[in-house]
Amino acid sequence: MFKIDADNIGWLETLKNPREDLCLHGHATVIIGEKRFEYNATISAAALYLLKTLTEDHHI
């Protein structure tokens, strides 16, 4: 089983002008088999890096 979910999506309200925040933030949940990972993340960047794994190897 592999599942990704994101909620509480929005922009950072702590900025002086939230409209200047170019990244979408939220709470991400990923389930891979029996393991569950949950974290607050920059959802837009996380999605981009996940898609890049389709064409590129990941190097830490």
PDB file of N, CA and C in Angstrom:
ATOM      1  N   MET A   1       0.825  -1.171   0.000  1.00  0.00           N
ATOM      2  CA  MET A   1       0.000   0.000   0.000  1.00  0.00           C
ATOM      3  C   MET A   1       0.877   1.245   0.000  1.00  0.00           C
ATOM      4  N   PHE A   2       0.497   2.221  -0.794  1.00  0.00           N
ATOM      5  CA  PHE A   2       1.196   3.502  -0.867  1.00  0.00           C
ATOM      6  C   PHE A   2       0.140   4.589  -0.970  1.00  0.00           C
ATOM      7  N   LYS A   3       0.152   5.530  -0.031  1.00  0.00           N
ATOM      8  CA  LYS A   3      -0.857   6.584  -0.040  1.00  0.00           C
ATOM      9  C   LYS A   3      -0.233   7.887   0.444  1.00  0.00           C
ATOM     10  N   ILE A   4      -0.602   8.986  -0.208  1.00  0.00           N
ATOM     11  CA  ILE A   4      -0.166  10.325   0.191  1.00  0.00           C
ATOM     12  C   ILE A   4      -1.405  11.181   0.369  1.00  0.00           C
ATOM     13  N   ASP A   5      -1.431  11.947   1.465  1.00  0.00           N
ATOM     14  CA  ASP A   5      -2.541  12.855   1.715  1.00  0.00           C
ATOM     15  C   ASP A   5      -1.983  14.158   2.262  1.00  0.00           C
ATOM     16  N   ALA A   6      -2.622  15.261   1.933  1.00  0.00           N
ATOM     17  CA  ALA A   6      -2.221  16.572   2.447  1.00  0.00           C
ATOM     18  C   ALA A   6      -3.465  17.331   2.870  1.00  0.00           C
ATOM     19  N   ASP A   7      -3.372  17.985   4.034  1.00  0.00           N
ATOM     20  CA  ASP A   7      -4.483  18.825   4.479  1.00  0.00           C
ATOM     21  C   ASP A   7      -3.919  20.052   5.198  1.00  0.00           C
ATOM     22  N   ASN A   8      -4.799  20.902   5.704  1.00  0.00           N
ATOM     23  CA  ASN A   8      -4.389  22.179   6.305  1.00  0.00           C
ATOM     24  C   ASN A   8      -3.498  22.962   5.347  1.00  0.00           C
ATOM     25  N   ILE A   9      -3.866  22.983   4.091  1.00  0.00           N
ATOM     26  CA  ILE A   9      -3.059  23.626   3.055  1.00  0.00           C
ATOM     27  C   ILE A   9      -3.303  25.128   3.061  1.00  0.00           C
ATOM     28  N   GLY A  10      -2.212  25.885   2.963  1.00  0.00           N
ATOM     29  CA  GLY A  10      -2.339  27.337   2.907  1.00  0.00           C
ATOM     30  C   GLY A  10      -0.988  28.008   2.859  1.00  0.00           C
ATOM     31  N   TRP A  11      -0.994  29.314   3.021  1.00  0.00           N
ATOM     32  CA  TRP A  11       0.215  30.108   3.001  1.00  0.00           C
ATOM     33  C   TRP A  11       0.534  30.546   4.418  1.00  0.00           C
ATOM     34  N   LEU A  12       1.771  30.894   4.677  1.00  0.00           N
ATOM     35  CA  LEU A  12       2.187  31.291   6.017  1.00  0.00           C
ATOM     36  C   LEU A  12       1.547  32.627   6.398  1.00  0.00           C
ATOM     37  N   GLU A  13       0.769  32.619   7.435  1.00  0.00           N
ATOM     38  CA  GLU A  13       0.099  33.842   7.893  1.00  0.00           C
ATOM     39  C   GLU A  13       1.023  34.714   8.736  1.00  0.00           C
ATOM     40  N   THR A  14       2.173  34.158   9.140  1.00  0.00           N
ATOM     41  CA  THR A  14       3.083  34.911   9.998  1.00  0.00           C
ATOM     42  C   THR A  14       3.904  35.938   9.219  1.00  0.00           C
ATOM     43  N   LEU A  15       3.876  35.868   7.898  1.00  0.00           N
ATOM     44  CA  LEU A  15       4.615  36.841   7.088  1.00  0.00           C
ATOM     45  C   LEU A  15       3.921  38.190   7.134  1.00  0.00           C
ATOM     46  N   LYS A  16       4.697  39.252   6.932  1.00  0.00           N
ATOM     47  CA  LYS A  16       4.126  40.589   6.906  1.00  0.00           C
ATOM     48  C   LYS A  16       3.063  40.687   5.813  1.00  0.00           C
ATOM     49  N   ASN A  17       3.356  40.099   4.659  1.00  0.00           N
ATOM     50  CA  ASN A  17       2.395  40.062   3.558  1.00  0.00           C
ATOM     51  C   ASN A  17       2.291  38.604   3.082  1.00  0.00           C
ATOM     52  N   PRO A  18       1.304  37.834   3.569  1.00  0.00           N
ATOM     53  CA  PRO A  18       1.193  36.412   3.198  1.00  0.00           C
ATOM     54  C   PRO A  18       1.104  36.173   1.693  1.00  0.00           C
ATOM     55  N   ARG A  19       0.686  37.152   0.935  1.00  0.00           N
ATOM     56  CA  ARG A  19       0.590  36.976  -0.528  1.00  0.00           C
ATOM     57  C   ARG A  19       1.960  36.861  -1.183  1.00  0.00           C
ATOM     58  N   GLU A  20       3.014  37.203  -0.448  1.00  0.00           N
ATOM     59  CA  GLU A  20       4.372  37.084  -0.980  1.00  0.00           C
ATOM     60  C   GLU A  20       4.935  35.677  -0.802  1.00  0.00           C
ATOM     61  N   ASP A  21       4.248  34.831  -0.043  1.00  0.00           N
ATOM     62  CA  ASP A  21       4.692  33.452   0.172  1.00  0.00           C
ATOM     63  C   ASP A  21       4.443  32.664  -1.111  1.00  0.00           C
ATOM     64  N   LEU A  22       5.512  32.217  -1.752  1.00  0.00           N
ATOM     65  CA  LEU A  22       5.401  31.526  -3.036  1.00  0.00           C
ATOM     66  C   LEU A  22       5.268  30.016  -2.892  1.00  0.00           C
ATOM     67  N   CYS A  23       5.302  29.519  -1.654  1.00  0.00           N
ATOM     68  CA  CYS A  23       5.225  28.082  -1.421  1.00  0.00           C
ATOM     69  C   CYS A  23       3.940  27.733  -0.689  1.00  0.00           C
ATOM     70  N   LEU A  24       3.368  26.607  -1.043  1.00  0.00           N
ATOM     71  CA  LEU A  24       2.167  26.116  -0.391  1.00  0.00           C
ATOM     72  C   LEU A  24       2.578  25.203   0.760  1.00  0.00           C
ATOM     73  N   HIS A  25       2.046  25.461   1.959  1.00  0.00           N
ATOM     74  CA  HIS A  25       2.404  24.707   3.150  1.00  0.00           C
ATOM     75  C   HIS A  25       1.220  23.882   3.620  1.00  0.00           C
ATOM     76  N   GLY A  26       1.490  22.799   4.354  1.00  0.00           N
ATOM     77  CA  GLY A  26       0.406  21.986   4.890  1.00  0.00           C
ATOM     78  C   GLY A  26       0.929  20.795   5.672  1.00  0.00           C
ATOM     79  N   HIS A  27       0.008  19.947   6.087  1.00  0.00           N
ATOM     80  CA  HIS A  27       0.329  18.738   6.835  1.00  0.00           C
ATOM     81  C   HIS A  27       0.274  17.555   5.868  1.00  0.00           C
ATOM     82  N   ALA A  28       1.370  16.822   5.770  1.00  0.00           N
ATOM     83  CA  ALA A  28       1.452  15.691   4.846  1.00  0.00           C
ATOM     84  C   ALA A  28       1.452  14.378   5.617  1.00  0.00           C
ATOM     85  N   THR A  29       0.739  13.402   5.077  1.00  0.00           N
ATOM     86  CA  THR A  29       0.727  12.052   5.622  1.00  0.00           C
ATOM     87  C   THR A  29       1.075  11.097   4.488  1.00  0.00           C
ATOM     88  N   VAL A  30       2.046  10.232   4.731  1.00  0.00           N
ATOM     89  CA  VAL A  30       2.463   9.245   3.737  1.00  0.00           C
ATOM     90  C   VAL A  30       2.391   7.867   4.390  1.00  0.00           C
ATOM     91  N   ILE A  31       1.754   6.931   3.712  1.00  0.00           N
ATOM     92  CA  ILE A  31       1.672   5.553   4.194  1.00  0.00           C
ATOM     93  C   ILE A  31       2.344   4.658   3.157  1.00  0.00           C
ATOM     94  N   ILE A  32       3.331   3.915   3.613  1.00  0.00           N
ATOM     95  CA  ILE A  32       4.046   2.962   2.757  1.00  0.00           C
ATOM     96  C   ILE A  32       4.017   1.627   3.478  1.00  0.00           C
ATOM     97  N   GLY A  33       3.189   0.722   2.997  1.00  0.00           N
ATOM     98  CA  GLY A  33       3.040  -0.567   3.664  1.00  0.00           C
ATOM     99  C   GLY A  33       2.501  -0.378   5.065  1.00  0.00           C
ATOM    100  N   GLU A  34       3.240  -0.846   6.057  1.00  0.00           N
ATOM    101  CA  GLU A  34       2.831  -0.740   7.457  1.00  0.00           C
ATOM    102  C   GLU A  34       3.322   0.558   8.113  1.00  0.00           C
ATOM    103  N   LYS A  35       4.167   1.321   7.418  1.00  0.00           N
ATOM    104  CA  LYS A  35       4.762   2.522   8.010  1.00  0.00           C
ATOM    105  C   LYS A  35       3.943   3.759   7.656  1.00  0.00           C
ATOM    106  N   ARG A  36       3.823   4.647   8.645  1.00  0.00           N
ATOM    107  CA  ARG A  36       3.083   5.898   8.462  1.00  0.00           C
ATOM    108  C   ARG A  36       4.001   7.051   8.866  1.00  0.00           C
ATOM    109  N   PHE A  37       4.100   8.052   8.006  1.00  0.00           N
ATOM    110  CA  PHE A  37       4.919   9.227   8.258  1.00  0.00           C
ATOM    111  C   PHE A  37       4.015  10.452   8.200  1.00  0.00           C
ATOM    112  N   GLU A  38       4.127  11.337   9.193  1.00  0.00           N
ATOM    113  CA  GLU A  38       3.333  12.561   9.209  1.00  0.00           C
ATOM    114  C   GLU A  38       4.252  13.727   9.538  1.00  0.00           C
ATOM    115  N   TYR A  39       4.091  14.824   8.835  1.00  0.00           N
ATOM    116  CA  TYR A  39       4.917  15.985   9.096  1.00  0.00           C
ATOM    117  C   TYR A  39       4.304  17.219   8.441  1.00  0.00           C
ATOM    118  N   ASN A  40       4.667  18.387   8.951  1.00  0.00           N
ATOM    119  CA  ASN A  40       4.309  19.637   8.306  1.00  0.00           C
ATOM    120  C   ASN A  40       5.365  19.891   7.246  1.00  0.00           C
ATOM    121  N   ALA A  41       4.933  20.303   6.076  1.00  0.00           N
ATOM    122  CA  ALA A  41       5.871  20.408   4.965  1.00  0.00           C
ATOM    123  C   ALA A  41       5.505  21.551   4.031  1.00  0.00           C
ATOM    124  N   THR A  42       6.463  21.904   3.206  1.00  0.00           N
ATOM    125  CA  THR A  42       6.192  22.786   2.081  1.00  0.00           C
ATOM    126  C   THR A  42       5.655  21.866   0.992  1.00  0.00           C
ATOM    127  N   ILE A  43       4.340  21.798   0.902  1.00  0.00           N
ATOM    128  CA  ILE A  43       3.670  20.829   0.035  1.00  0.00           C
ATOM    129  C   ILE A  43       4.067  20.991  -1.428  1.00  0.00           C
ATOM    130  N   SER A  44       4.162  22.224  -1.906  1.00  0.00           N
ATOM    131  CA  SER A  44       4.489  22.443  -3.317  1.00  0.00           C
ATOM    132  C   SER A  44       5.883  21.906  -3.652  1.00  0.00           C
ATOM    133  N   ALA A  45       6.864  22.140  -2.783  1.00  0.00           N
ATOM    134  CA  ALA A  45       8.223  21.641  -3.024  1.00  0.00           C
ATOM    135  C   ALA A  45       8.284  20.124  -2.879  1.00  0.00           C
ATOM    136  N   ALA A  46       7.583  19.588  -1.873  1.00  0.00           N
ATOM    137  CA  ALA A  46       7.571  18.136  -1.673  1.00  0.00           C
ATOM    138  C   ALA A  46       6.991  17.427  -2.893  1.00  0.00           C
ATOM    139  N   ALA A  47       5.924  17.986  -3.449  1.00  0.00           N
ATOM    140  CA  ALA A  47       5.313  17.381  -4.634  1.00  0.00           C
ATOM    141  C   ALA A  47       6.266  17.430  -5.819  1.00  0.00           C
ATOM    142  N   LEU A  48       6.957  18.540  -5.986  1.00  0.00           N
ATOM    143  CA  LEU A  48       7.913  18.664  -7.087  1.00  0.00           C
ATOM    144  C   LEU A  48       9.037  17.643  -6.958  1.00  0.00           C
ATOM    145  N   TYR A  49       9.604  17.510  -5.759  1.00  0.00           N
ATOM    146  CA  TYR A  49      10.694  16.553  -5.566  1.00  0.00           C
ATOM    147  C   TYR A  49      10.219  15.106  -5.710  1.00  0.00           C
ATOM    148  N   LEU A  50       8.992  14.832  -5.314  1.00  0.00           N
ATOM    149  CA  LEU A  50       8.445  13.492  -5.508  1.00  0.00           C
ATOM    150  C   LEU A  50       8.319  13.186  -6.999  1.00  0.00           C
ATOM    151  N   LEU A  51       7.809  14.130  -7.765  1.00  0.00           N
ATOM    152  CA  LEU A  51       7.683  13.925  -9.212  1.00  0.00           C
ATOM    153  C   LEU A  51       9.050  13.759  -9.880  1.00  0.00           C
ATOM    154  N   LYS A  52      10.061  14.463  -9.402  1.00  0.00           N
ATOM    155  CA  LYS A  52      11.401  14.346  -9.985  1.00  0.00           C
ATOM    156  C   LYS A  52      11.967  12.942  -9.830  1.00  0.00           C
ATOM    157  N   THR A  53      11.506  12.186  -8.808  1.00  0.00           N
ATOM    158  CA  THR A  53      12.024  10.836  -8.622  1.00  0.00           C
ATOM    159  C   THR A  53      11.590   9.902  -9.741  1.00  0.00           C
ATOM    160  N   LEU A  54      10.621  10.317 -10.543  1.00  0.00           N
ATOM    161  CA  LEU A  54      10.185   9.486 -11.681  1.00  0.00           C
ATOM    162  C   LEU A  54      11.251   9.467 -12.778  1.00  0.00           C
ATOM    163  N   THR A  55      12.073  10.534 -12.841  1.00  0.00           N
ATOM    164  CA  THR A  55      13.048  10.627 -13.928  1.00  0.00           C
ATOM    165  C   THR A  55      14.491  10.719 -13.455  1.00  0.00           C
ATOM    166  N   GLU A  56      14.703  10.903 -12.122  1.00  0.00           N
ATOM    167  CA  GLU A  56      16.052  11.074 -11.605  1.00  0.00           C
ATOM    168  C   GLU A  56      16.236  10.226 -10.355  1.00  0.00           C
ATOM    169  N   ASP A  57      17.455   9.721 -10.149  1.00  0.00           N
ATOM    170  CA  ASP A  57      17.767   9.030  -8.906  1.00  0.00           C
ATOM    171  C   ASP A  57      17.877  10.045  -7.782  1.00  0.00           C
ATOM    172  N   HIS A  58      17.485   9.650  -6.569  1.00  0.00           N
ATOM    173  CA  HIS A  58      17.557  10.528  -5.408  1.00  0.00           C
ATOM    174  C   HIS A  58      18.899  10.344  -4.710  1.00  0.00           C
ATOM    175  N   HIS A  59      19.574  11.449  -4.440  1.00  0.00           N
ATOM    176  CA  HIS A  59      20.832  11.422  -3.694  1.00  0.00           C
ATOM    177  C   HIS A  59      20.688  12.317  -2.477  1.00  0.00           C
ATOM    178  N   ILE A  60      20.938  11.771  -1.293  1.00  0.00           N
ATOM    179  CA  ILE A  60      20.842  12.571  -0.063  1.00  0.00           C
ATOM    180  C   ILE A  60      22.041  13.478   0.051  1.00  0.00           C
TER     181      ILE A  60
END
